[in-house]
């Protein structure tokens, strides 16, 4: 009998990706150095900064579809540029986008289903554009990163990471998209979106202050901080970045107790959990999605990792921040300025509702009561805004965002509701909301004077 012999022959298969290097910042300036490091995921022989995940290019106009890849590989296949050149910003953005993506993949992110376009080196007119953002570019989710007041936001890792996470969020859940429910525009979803983007950016760089370098463009110490004392719902004003502060602050507290590894995984898994709850339970039953749904998911994920007894501290933190409450109605504090933001009108329906209702009570013995409205002078035309009041129960909205029930209607352009009208409501709890038909966001200062 012949003996059968099996041979295993190993062939060296050339890598499809190069080991191209680029000159980049090791971190965010000024507390970093300039290094040469590998630009991962570039196809072998790549002439520009295009990979299956990212295409980084420079733009000079508002149209982010129109741009040019300035950084070109040298004869050695590397991208060797120095700060001061737009090519350096392209390489720096590409490098840190990939590193943050790798960080998210370590938590379970599966990668992008499309190439993410990333527009950098855009210099808008002052006040014309945000510092950076996630937006639609060529029909796909993409990023723009600007230069403002000579501060190049492509050098700020926290800002890059925050904006990129918004695209990653969209691959995990759609419940964080803007939508209406019976209490009006649901800003809870957007608050969670902003707070988790802040959290992952902060956890990745190990610094609770977001955008310390980029904030120089607006002469601020940072764009936001997770070291805050914000609580839900009393510190909500209807603007998603502000409204997310209580959430991001709580997540950073949890990270200080349980460590980055546990809380990073907790937050990532919780986003998937709220998507399943929304699709399988809330949406079919037309129930409202609330911040408390996310908070409960966070608590459950921590409990699953550390056990019942060790999770008690997490419960205390979430309770202290008010995140296990179901309210989307914030109290209006009398005799001081209260800031409120109202969404711009949705062009498909012609109006938008305020994303948060405010409530107050006129004391039974009140002798003077005046509600005064003012705005920042740079936003919506007040003639296109209505103020609605309802007594003893919240104002309700239709699914399209229109007002369904109210007791009193006022023109916000009148700027003031006189005491003769409010004093008729002594002893009553009053809920207030705004309907905006203007195409720009409205920032209001509401002052309730009681005596």
Protein backbone atom coordinates (compact mmCIF):
# COMPACT_ATOMS: atom_id res chain seq x y z
CA UNK A 1 0.00 0.00 0.00
CA UNK A 2 1.31 3.35 -1.02
CA UNK A 3 1.71 5.90 1.70
CA UNK A 4 -0.12 9.14 1.10
CA UNK A 5 1.83 12.23 1.89
CA UNK A 6 0.13 15.62 2.28
CA UNK A 7 2.27 18.68 1.87
CA UNK A 8 1.32 22.10 3.19
CA UNK A 9 2.82 24.85 1.08
CA UNK A 10 2.63 28.42 2.39
CA UNK A 11 2.65 31.24 -0.10
CA UNK A 12 3.48 34.79 0.88
CA UNK A 13 0.53 36.88 -0.29
CA UNK A 14 1.40 40.54 -0.78
CA UNK A 15 -0.59 42.88 1.47
CA UNK A 16 -3.27 44.90 -0.26
CA UNK A 17 -2.55 47.79 2.13
CA UNK A 18 0.64 49.75 2.25
CA UNK A 19 2.76 50.73 5.18
CA UNK A 20 2.74 54.34 4.04
CA UNK A 21 3.67 56.85 6.70
CA UNK A 22 2.64 60.42 7.28
CA UNK A 23 3.87 63.32 9.35
CA UNK A 24 1.13 64.09 11.90
CA UNK A 25 0.49 65.44 15.37
CA UNK A 26 0.76 62.72 18.01
CA UNK A 27 -2.16 64.33 19.83
CA UNK A 28 -3.87 67.71 19.94
CA UNK A 29 -1.60 70.77 19.97
CA UNK A 30 0.00 72.34 21.83
CA UNK A 31 0.53 69.37 24.14
CA UNK A 32 1.90 66.97 21.57
CA UNK A 33 4.76 66.39 19.17
CA UNK A 34 5.06 65.92 15.42
CA UNK A 35 5.73 62.30 14.51
CA UNK A 36 6.05 60.03 11.51
CA UNK A 37 3.61 57.15 11.82
CA UNK A 38 1.81 54.62 9.67
CA UNK A 39 -1.30 55.76 7.82
CA UNK A 40 -3.34 52.60 8.20
CA UNK A 41 -5.74 51.10 5.66
CA UNK A 42 -4.32 52.90 2.63
CA UNK A 43 -4.30 50.68 -0.48
CA UNK A 44 -0.86 49.76 -1.70
CA UNK A 45 0.53 52.44 -3.97
CA UNK A 46 -2.07 55.00 -2.95
CA UNK A 47 -1.33 58.42 -4.38
CA UNK A 48 -3.85 60.26 -2.19
CA UNK A 49 -5.51 59.79 1.19
CA UNK A 50 -8.30 57.47 0.06
CA UNK A 51 -9.08 54.16 1.69
CA UNK A 52 -12.18 51.94 1.84
CA UNK A 53 -13.25 53.91 4.94
CA UNK A 54 -12.24 57.53 4.22
CA UNK A 55 -11.52 60.03 1.50
CA UNK A 56 -9.92 63.19 2.89
CA UNK A 57 -9.77 66.27 0.67
CA UNK A 58 -9.66 70.06 0.84
CA UNK A 59 -12.44 72.46 -0.12
CA UNK A 60 -12.53 76.20 -0.68
CA UNK A 61 -16.29 76.67 -1.21
CA UNK A 62 -19.52 75.81 0.60
CA UNK A 63 -20.18 72.93 -1.77
CA UNK A 64 -18.46 70.00 -0.07
CA UNK A 65 -18.92 67.93 -3.21
CA UNK A 66 -16.35 70.14 -4.89
CA UNK A 67 -12.88 69.59 -3.51
CA UNK A 68 -9.40 68.39 -4.29
CA UNK A 69 -7.04 65.95 -2.63
CA UNK A 70 -3.92 68.06 -2.15
CA UNK A 71 -1.77 65.57 -0.25
CA UNK A 72 0.18 63.36 -2.65
CA UNK A 73 2.47 60.49 -1.84
CA UNK A 74 6.17 61.17 -2.45
CA UNK A 75 8.30 58.72 -4.51
CA UNK A 76 8.63 56.54 -1.39
CA UNK A 77 4.84 56.34 -1.06
CA UNK A 78 4.72 58.50 2.08
CA UNK A 79 2.90 61.73 2.96
CA UNK A 80 5.62 63.90 4.42
CA UNK A 81 4.26 67.39 5.06
CA UNK A 82 4.64 69.91 7.86
CA UNK A 83 2.12 72.14 9.70
CA UNK A 84 1.33 75.27 7.75
CA UNK A 85 0.61 73.25 4.62
CA UNK A 86 -2.99 72.18 3.85
CA UNK A 87 -1.62 68.75 2.95
CA UNK A 88 -0.53 68.27 6.56
CA UNK A 89 -4.11 68.85 7.75
CA UNK A 90 -5.36 66.18 5.34
CA UNK A 91 -2.82 63.66 6.61
CA UNK A 92 -3.48 64.53 10.25
CA UNK A 93 -7.25 64.14 9.85
CA UNK A 94 -6.86 60.84 8.00
CA UNK A 95 -4.54 59.45 10.69
CA UNK A 96 -6.76 60.31 13.65
CA UNK A 97 -10.00 59.31 11.91
CA UNK A 98 -8.56 55.82 11.47
CA UNK A 99 -7.27 55.61 15.02
CA UNK A 100 -10.64 56.59 16.50
CA UNK A 101 -12.35 54.08 14.20
CA UNK A 102 -10.03 51.36 15.52
CA UNK A 103 -10.98 52.39 19.06
CA UNK A 104 -14.68 52.00 18.23
CA UNK A 105 -14.06 48.66 16.54
CA UNK A 106 -12.56 47.41 19.80
CA UNK A 107 -16.03 47.96 21.32
CA UNK A 108 -17.92 46.14 18.58
CA UNK A 109 -18.29 48.64 15.71
CA UNK A 110 -18.38 46.68 12.45
CA UNK A 111 -16.99 49.37 10.19
CA UNK A 112 -18.47 51.65 7.54
CA UNK A 113 -20.55 50.37 4.66
CA UNK A 114 -19.41 53.28 2.50
CA UNK A 115 -16.39 55.51 2.06
CA UNK A 116 -16.83 58.53 4.37
CA UNK A 117 -16.00 61.81 2.59
CA UNK A 118 -14.12 64.21 4.85
CA UNK A 119 -13.79 67.85 3.74
CA UNK A 120 -11.04 69.81 5.50
CA UNK A 121 -9.31 73.20 5.21
CA UNK A 122 -12.60 75.04 4.55
CA UNK A 123 -12.51 78.71 5.60
CA UNK A 124 -16.09 79.98 5.97
CA UNK A 125 -17.04 83.57 6.61
CA UNK A 126 -17.24 84.44 10.33
CA UNK A 127 -20.37 82.96 11.89
CA UNK A 128 -21.40 81.29 8.64
CA UNK A 129 -20.68 77.67 9.58
CA UNK A 130 -20.19 75.57 12.71
CA UNK A 131 -16.61 74.63 13.52
CA UNK A 132 -17.18 71.09 12.25
CA UNK A 133 -20.07 68.76 11.59
CA UNK A 134 -21.48 65.54 10.23
CA UNK A 135 -23.55 66.17 7.12
CA UNK A 136 -24.69 64.69 3.83
CA UNK A 137 -22.00 64.87 1.16
CA UNK A 138 -22.83 63.43 -2.23
CA UNK A 139 -25.73 61.44 -0.80
CA UNK A 140 -23.58 59.81 1.90
CA UNK A 141 -22.86 60.66 5.53
CA UNK A 142 -19.68 62.72 5.63
CA UNK A 143 -17.76 65.28 7.68
CA UNK A 144 -16.64 68.86 7.23
CA UNK A 145 -13.86 70.37 9.35
CA UNK A 146 -13.20 74.07 9.07
CA UNK A 147 -10.48 76.64 9.69
CA UNK A 148 -11.82 79.58 11.69
CA UNK A 149 -9.80 82.52 12.97
CA UNK A 150 -6.70 80.63 11.74
CA UNK A 151 -7.48 77.66 14.02
CA UNK A 152 -7.55 74.46 11.97
CA UNK A 153 -10.09 72.12 13.54
CA UNK A 154 -8.44 69.17 11.77
CA UNK A 155 -5.81 69.37 14.51
CA UNK A 156 -8.32 68.78 17.34
CA UNK A 157 -8.74 65.04 17.97
CA UNK A 158 -11.76 65.48 20.25
CA UNK A 159 -13.68 67.41 17.60
CA UNK A 160 -12.76 64.93 14.87
CA UNK A 161 -13.80 62.02 17.09
CA UNK A 162 -17.06 63.66 18.21
CA UNK A 163 -18.20 64.32 14.65
CA UNK A 164 -17.13 60.92 13.36
CA UNK A 165 -19.08 59.23 16.14
CA UNK A 166 -22.26 60.83 14.82
CA UNK A 167 -21.79 58.78 11.65
CA UNK A 168 -21.04 55.67 13.71
CA UNK A 169 -24.23 56.32 15.73
CA UNK A 170 -26.22 56.10 12.53
CA UNK A 171 -24.97 52.56 11.95
CA UNK A 172 -26.12 51.50 15.44
CA UNK A 173 -29.48 53.21 15.90
CA UNK A 174 -31.92 55.51 14.11
CA UNK A 175 -33.86 56.42 17.25
CA UNK A 176 -31.45 59.32 17.81
CA UNK A 177 -32.74 61.03 14.67
CA UNK A 178 -34.95 64.09 15.16
CA UNK A 179 -38.67 63.25 15.36
CA UNK A 180 -41.99 64.48 16.72
CA UNK A 181 -44.15 62.85 19.36
CA UNK A 182 -47.20 63.95 21.38
CA UNK A 183 -45.10 66.36 23.50
CA UNK A 184 -43.65 68.07 20.42
CA UNK A 185 -40.18 67.92 18.91
CA UNK A 186 -38.31 65.13 20.70
CA UNK A 187 -34.99 66.66 21.60
CA UNK A 188 -34.18 63.80 23.99
CA UNK A 189 -32.88 61.75 21.08
CA UNK A 190 -30.57 64.54 19.92
CA UNK A 191 -29.38 65.17 23.49
CA UNK A 192 -28.34 61.51 23.73
CA UNK A 193 -26.62 61.77 20.34
CA UNK A 194 -24.56 64.78 21.40
CA UNK A 195 -23.75 63.48 24.88
CA UNK A 196 -22.54 60.07 23.70
CA UNK A 197 -20.43 61.70 20.98
CA UNK A 198 -18.89 63.88 23.68
CA UNK A 199 -18.39 60.88 25.94
CA UNK A 200 -16.57 58.73 23.39
CA UNK A 201 -14.40 61.63 22.24
CA UNK A 202 -13.48 62.39 25.86
CA UNK A 203 -12.88 58.76 26.79
CA UNK A 204 -10.72 58.23 23.71
CA UNK A 205 -8.42 61.16 24.52
CA UNK A 206 -8.73 60.73 28.29
CA UNK A 207 -9.78 64.34 28.82
CA UNK A 208 -13.27 65.54 29.87
CA UNK A 209 -12.85 68.88 28.08
CA UNK A 210 -13.95 68.71 24.45
CA UNK A 211 -12.31 70.94 21.87
CA UNK A 212 -9.72 72.77 23.93
CA UNK A 213 -7.72 73.59 20.80
CA UNK A 214 -10.68 74.26 18.50
CA UNK A 215 -12.35 76.50 21.06
CA UNK A 216 -9.56 79.02 20.56
CA UNK A 217 -11.45 79.97 17.39
CA UNK A 218 -14.21 81.41 19.56
CA UNK A 219 -11.98 82.52 22.46
CA UNK A 220 -13.31 79.84 24.82
CA UNK A 221 -11.47 77.35 27.05
CA UNK A 222 -13.32 74.39 25.48
CA UNK A 223 -16.49 73.65 23.55
CA UNK A 224 -18.03 71.48 26.25
CA UNK A 225 -16.96 69.67 29.37
CA UNK A 226 -18.05 66.44 31.00
CA UNK A 227 -17.03 67.84 34.38
CA UNK A 228 -20.36 69.56 34.90
CA UNK A 229 -23.18 69.65 37.39
CA UNK A 230 -26.05 69.61 34.89
CA UNK A 231 -29.24 67.82 35.88
CA UNK A 232 -32.28 66.68 33.92
CA UNK A 233 -34.74 68.25 33.28
CA UNK A 234 -34.07 71.53 35.12
CA UNK A 235 -31.04 72.41 32.98
CA UNK A 236 -32.69 71.58 29.66
CA UNK A 237 -33.25 74.51 27.34
CA UNK A 238 -34.25 72.75 24.11
CA UNK A 239 -30.78 72.82 22.53
CA UNK A 240 -29.30 69.34 22.10
CA UNK A 241 -25.68 70.17 23.02
CA UNK A 242 -26.76 71.83 26.27
CA UNK A 243 -29.45 69.26 27.01
CA UNK A 244 -26.93 66.44 26.69
CA UNK A 245 -24.70 67.84 29.44
CA UNK A 246 -26.48 65.96 32.24
CA UNK A 247 -26.01 62.71 30.33
CA UNK A 248 -22.35 63.20 29.39
CA UNK A 249 -21.60 64.37 32.93
CA UNK A 250 -23.17 61.23 34.37
CA UNK A 251 -21.28 58.99 31.96
CA UNK A 252 -17.97 60.59 32.96
CA UNK A 253 -18.86 60.08 36.62
CA UNK A 254 -19.57 56.42 35.88
CA UNK A 255 -16.22 56.14 34.09
CA UNK A 256 -14.44 57.50 37.18
CA UNK A 257 -16.12 54.80 39.30
CA UNK A 258 -16.04 51.75 37.05
CA UNK A 259 -13.23 52.55 34.63
CA UNK A 260 -13.11 53.31 30.91
CA UNK A 261 -13.27 49.70 29.72
CA UNK A 262 -16.58 48.92 31.44
CA UNK A 263 -18.30 52.23 30.70
CA UNK A 264 -17.11 52.47 27.09
CA UNK A 265 -18.63 49.06 26.42
CA UNK A 266 -21.73 49.98 28.43
CA UNK A 267 -22.47 53.10 26.40
CA UNK A 268 -21.85 51.36 23.07
CA UNK A 269 -24.13 48.45 23.95
CA UNK A 270 -26.80 50.75 25.38
CA UNK A 271 -27.19 52.50 22.02
CA UNK A 272 -27.99 49.18 20.40
CA UNK A 273 -30.36 48.33 23.24
CA UNK A 274 -32.46 51.50 22.85
CA UNK A 275 -32.71 50.86 19.10
CA UNK A 276 -34.19 47.42 19.75
CA UNK A 277 -36.56 48.79 22.44
CA UNK A 278 -37.74 51.56 20.14
CA UNK A 279 -38.31 49.31 17.12
CA UNK A 280 -39.86 46.39 19.01
CA UNK A 281 -41.82 48.15 21.77
CA UNK A 282 -42.05 51.94 21.72
CA UNK A 283 -42.77 52.67 18.06
CA UNK A 284 -45.41 49.92 17.54
CA UNK A 285 -47.24 51.12 20.67
CA UNK A 286 -46.77 54.83 19.82
CA UNK A 287 -44.97 55.40 23.10
CA UNK A 288 -42.61 58.33 23.67
CA UNK A 289 -38.85 57.73 23.58
CA UNK A 290 -37.25 59.38 26.61
CA UNK A 291 -33.83 59.94 28.10
CA UNK A 292 -34.79 57.52 30.85
CA UNK A 293 -34.86 54.66 28.32
CA UNK A 294 -31.19 55.25 27.62
CA UNK A 295 -30.37 55.69 31.32
CA UNK A 296 -32.05 52.39 32.20
CA UNK A 297 -30.12 50.65 29.43
CA UNK A 298 -26.88 52.07 30.85
CA UNK A 299 -27.76 50.88 34.34
CA UNK A 300 -28.65 47.38 33.13
CA UNK A 301 -25.42 47.04 31.14
CA UNK A 302 -23.32 48.09 34.12
CA UNK A 303 -25.25 45.68 36.34
CA UNK A 304 -24.57 42.84 33.88
CA UNK A 305 -20.85 43.55 34.02
CA UNK A 306 -20.25 44.29 37.72
CA UNK A 307 -23.17 42.65 39.50
CA UNK A 308 -26.17 43.92 41.47
CA UNK A 309 -24.39 45.23 44.55
CA UNK A 310 -21.61 47.09 42.71
CA UNK A 311 -24.14 48.71 40.37
CA UNK A 312 -25.82 50.64 43.21
CA UNK A 313 -23.38 53.53 42.77
CA UNK A 314 -24.39 53.75 39.09
CA UNK A 315 -28.03 53.97 40.09
CA UNK A 316 -27.22 56.78 42.54
CA UNK A 317 -25.35 58.75 39.88
CA UNK A 318 -28.16 58.40 37.33
CA UNK A 319 -30.79 59.30 39.91
CA UNK A 320 -28.82 62.33 41.09
CA UNK A 321 -28.59 63.59 37.51
CA UNK A 322 -32.35 63.08 37.07
CA UNK A 323 -31.83 60.72 34.14
CA UNK A 324 -34.13 57.98 35.42
CA UNK A 325 -37.02 60.49 35.39
CA UNK A 326 -39.42 60.53 32.45
CA UNK A 327 -40.07 64.26 32.25
CA UNK A 328 -39.38 66.39 29.17
CA UNK A 329 -40.85 69.42 30.89
CA UNK A 330 -38.49 71.83 32.64
CA UNK A 331 -39.49 74.20 35.43
CA UNK A 332 -39.34 77.90 34.63
CA UNK A 333 -37.52 79.61 37.47
CA UNK A 334 -39.17 82.90 38.45
CA UNK A 335 -37.31 86.19 38.76
CA UNK A 336 -34.30 85.17 36.72
CA UNK A 337 -33.37 84.73 33.05
CA UNK A 338 -34.24 81.34 31.54
CA UNK A 339 -32.82 80.53 28.14
CA UNK A 340 -34.93 78.52 25.68
CA UNK A 341 -34.10 77.31 22.19
CA UNK A 342 -36.80 76.64 19.62
CA UNK A 343 -36.17 74.58 16.48
CA UNK A 344 -36.33 76.07 13.02
CA UNK A 345 -39.37 75.23 10.94
CA UNK A 346 -39.29 71.93 9.11
CA UNK A 347 -39.55 72.85 5.40
CA UNK A 348 -41.70 69.78 4.69
CA UNK A 349 -44.45 70.81 7.12
CA UNK A 350 -43.88 74.55 7.45
CA UNK A 351 -43.42 74.77 11.21
CA UNK A 352 -41.70 73.24 14.18
CA UNK A 353 -42.52 72.96 17.86
CA UNK A 354 -40.29 73.79 20.75
CA UNK A 355 -38.30 70.75 21.78
CA UNK A 356 -39.00 71.28 25.46
CA UNK A 357 -42.00 72.56 27.35
CA UNK A 358 -41.59 74.80 30.39
CA UNK A 359 -43.90 74.99 33.37
CA UNK A 360 -44.50 77.37 36.24
CA UNK A 361 -47.13 78.05 38.88
CA UNK A 362 -48.66 81.42 39.69
CA UNK A 363 -48.98 81.58 43.50
CA UNK A 364 -52.48 81.90 44.91
CA UNK A 365 -51.49 85.14 46.64
CA UNK A 366 -49.58 86.63 43.70
CA UNK A 367 -50.01 90.39 43.34
CA UNK A 368 -47.85 90.80 40.25
CA UNK A 369 -47.06 88.37 37.43
CA UNK A 370 -45.42 89.24 34.11
CA UNK A 371 -43.95 86.89 31.50
CA UNK A 372 -41.42 88.71 29.31
CA UNK A 373 -39.81 87.32 26.15
CA UNK A 374 -36.70 88.62 24.40
CA UNK A 375 -34.36 87.14 21.82
CA UNK A 376 -30.72 87.38 20.83
CA UNK A 377 -31.37 89.52 17.76
CA UNK A 378 -29.64 87.10 15.40
CA UNK A 379 -32.25 84.39 15.06
CA UNK A 380 -35.83 83.82 14.06
CA UNK A 381 -38.31 86.61 13.31
CA UNK A 382 -40.59 86.75 16.36
CA UNK A 383 -43.56 87.64 14.18
CA UNK A 384 -43.42 84.05 12.95
CA UNK A 385 -43.59 82.57 16.44
CA UNK A 386 -46.63 81.73 18.55
CA UNK A 387 -46.59 81.07 22.30
CA UNK A 388 -49.09 78.55 23.64
CA UNK A 389 -50.14 78.08 27.25
CA UNK A 390 -52.16 75.27 28.80
CA UNK A 391 -53.44 75.03 32.35
CA UNK A 392 -52.76 72.05 34.64
CA UNK A 393 -51.61 69.62 31.94
CA UNK A 394 -48.97 69.52 29.17
CA UNK A 395 -49.58 70.88 25.70
CA UNK A 396 -50.06 68.08 23.20
CA UNK A 397 -48.91 67.91 19.57
CA UNK A 398 -49.97 66.00 16.50
CA UNK A 399 -47.53 63.60 14.83
CA UNK A 400 -46.63 66.26 12.25
CA UNK A 401 -45.62 68.71 14.99
CA UNK A 402 -48.72 70.92 14.92
CA UNK A 403 -50.45 71.99 18.14
CA UNK A 404 -53.20 69.60 19.18
CA UNK A 405 -54.41 71.15 22.42
CA UNK A 406 -53.91 74.45 24.22
CA UNK A 407 -55.74 76.93 26.46
CA UNK A 408 -54.24 80.29 25.43
CA UNK A 409 -52.45 81.49 22.29
CA UNK A 410 -50.26 84.58 22.12
CA UNK A 411 -48.08 86.23 19.50
CA UNK A 412 -44.49 86.04 20.69
CA UNK A 413 -43.92 89.30 18.83
CA UNK A 414 -45.93 91.00 21.57
CA UNK A 415 -42.92 90.10 23.75
CA UNK A 416 -44.88 90.27 27.01
CA UNK A 417 -47.88 88.68 28.74
CA UNK A 418 -49.29 91.17 31.22
CA UNK A 419 -50.15 90.49 34.82
CA UNK A 420 -53.89 90.97 34.21
CA UNK A 421 -53.86 87.81 32.10
CA UNK A 422 -51.59 85.74 34.33
CA UNK A 423 -53.23 86.72 37.60
CA UNK A 424 -56.45 85.14 36.35
CA UNK A 425 -54.52 81.85 36.64
CA UNK A 426 -53.54 82.16 40.31
CA UNK A 427 -52.86 78.77 41.88
CA UNK A 428 -52.69 77.06 38.49
CA UNK A 429 -49.79 75.17 36.96
CA UNK A 430 -49.11 76.57 33.52
CA UNK A 431 -47.32 74.79 30.66
CA UNK A 432 -45.84 76.80 27.80
CA UNK A 433 -44.50 75.90 24.37
CA UNK A 434 -43.60 77.69 21.13
CA UNK A 435 -44.50 77.12 17.50
CA UNK A 436 -41.97 78.52 15.02
CA UNK A 437 -42.68 78.97 11.30
CA UNK A 438 -39.36 80.67 10.56
CA UNK A 439 -36.51 78.92 8.76
CA UNK A 440 -33.96 79.68 11.49
CA UNK A 441 -33.51 78.47 15.04
CA UNK A 442 -34.82 80.73 17.76
CA UNK A 443 -32.99 81.58 20.97
CA UNK A 444 -35.25 83.17 23.58
CA UNK A 445 -34.75 84.57 27.03
CA UNK A 446 -37.85 84.04 29.15
CA UNK A 447 -38.29 86.01 32.36
CA UNK A 448 -41.14 85.30 34.73
CA UNK A 449 -41.57 88.07 37.31
CA UNK A 450 -43.64 87.07 40.34
CA UNK A 451 -44.44 89.08 43.45
